[in-house]
Protein backbone atom coordinates (compact mmCIF):
# COMPACT_ATOMS: atom_id res chain seq x y z
CA MET A 1 21.11 2.30 39.17
CA ILE A 2 22.17 2.78 35.75
CA TYR A 3 24.68 0.73 35.53
CA GLN A 4 22.15 -1.76 35.69
CA VAL A 5 20.38 -0.27 33.21
CA LEU A 6 23.39 -0.82 30.93
CA ASP A 7 23.87 -4.02 32.21
CA SER A 8 20.43 -5.53 31.12
CA THR A 9 20.61 -3.59 27.61
CA SER A 10 23.83 -5.09 26.62
CA LYS A 11 22.77 -8.43 27.72
CA LEU A 12 19.81 -8.08 25.83
CA ILE A 13 21.65 -7.02 22.81
CA THR A 14 24.17 -9.81 23.13
CA LYS A 15 21.07 -12.64 23.11
CA LEU A 16 19.24 -10.85 20.56
CA GLN A 17 22.60 -11.00 18.27
CA THR A 18 22.47 -14.80 18.50
CA LEU A 19 19.60 -15.17 17.13
CA ALA A 20 17.95 -15.60 13.94
CA PRO A 21 16.73 -13.07 11.54
CA GLU A 22 13.01 -14.12 12.06
CA GLN A 23 13.37 -14.53 15.81
CA GLN A 24 15.22 -10.99 15.83
CA GLN A 25 11.66 -9.41 14.27
CA GLU A 26 9.70 -10.98 16.43
CA VAL A 27 11.41 -9.83 18.89
CA LEU A 28 10.78 -6.42 17.13
CA ASP A 29 7.50 -6.65 16.62
CA PHE A 30 6.84 -7.26 20.47
CA VAL A 31 9.09 -4.51 21.57
CA GLU A 32 7.00 -2.13 19.62
CA PHE A 33 3.97 -3.85 21.04
CA LEU A 34 5.19 -2.93 24.63
CA ALA A 35 6.12 0.58 23.89
CA GLN A 36 2.71 1.37 22.48
CA LYS A 37 0.83 -0.55 24.94
CA TYR A 38 2.25 1.97 27.66
CA ALA A 39 2.84 4.92 25.75
CA GLN A 40 -0.96 5.69 25.47
CA PRO A 41 -2.19 8.04 28.17
CA GLN A 42 -4.90 6.22 30.74
CA GLN A 43 -8.20 7.20 29.65
CA PRO A 44 -10.04 8.56 33.03
CA HIS A 45 -13.23 6.96 33.78
CA GLN A 46 -16.58 8.66 32.68
CA LYS A 47 -19.61 8.00 35.24
CA ARG A 48 -22.44 6.43 33.82
CA VAL A 49 -25.36 8.38 32.88
CA LEU A 50 -28.86 6.43 33.95
CA GLY A 51 -31.46 6.86 31.18
CA LEU A 52 -29.00 8.05 28.81
CA ASN A 53 -30.36 5.38 26.35
CA GLN A 54 -34.06 5.28 27.44
CA GLY A 55 -36.11 4.38 24.96
CA LYS A 56 -33.26 3.45 21.91
CA ILE A 57 -33.54 -0.28 22.83
CA TRP A 58 -36.26 -3.25 23.35
CA ILE A 59 -36.19 -7.21 24.48
CA SER A 60 -38.69 -8.68 23.13
CA ASP A 61 -41.51 -10.29 25.68
CA ASP A 62 -40.53 -13.74 25.18
CA PHE A 63 -36.74 -12.48 26.02
CA ASN A 64 -36.37 -15.15 29.54
CA ASP A 65 -38.50 -17.94 27.64
CA SER A 66 -37.01 -21.47 27.37
CA LEU A 67 -35.35 -22.31 24.00
CA PRO A 68 -36.33 -25.13 21.83
CA ASN A 69 -34.56 -28.12 22.51
CA GLU A 70 -34.45 -28.54 18.32
CA LEU A 71 -31.97 -25.20 18.94
CA TRP A 72 -30.00 -27.17 20.93
CA LEU A 73 -29.99 -30.72 19.36
CA GLY A 74 -30.00 -29.19 16.17
CA GLU A 75 -32.96 -30.65 14.66
CA SER A 76 -34.38 -28.80 11.87
CA GLU A 77 -38.41 -28.18 12.37
CA GLY A 78 -39.03 -29.08 8.54
């Protein structure tokens, strides 16, 4: 197992050395992205609380009404 890791590492280094400096920077950026992505512990899911924000928002009475054709056709009303 350790041999496989060392072999992969040496192959990666060999390939990396053949790239232009700009491409090497892209690889480095991607490696840092992956390290950051997988280093953060997953937050446990919190259960939702029914009615937690009750009374804090409202929806207009005409929310489900059809929108005028002028809106979709880009026509102005005036």
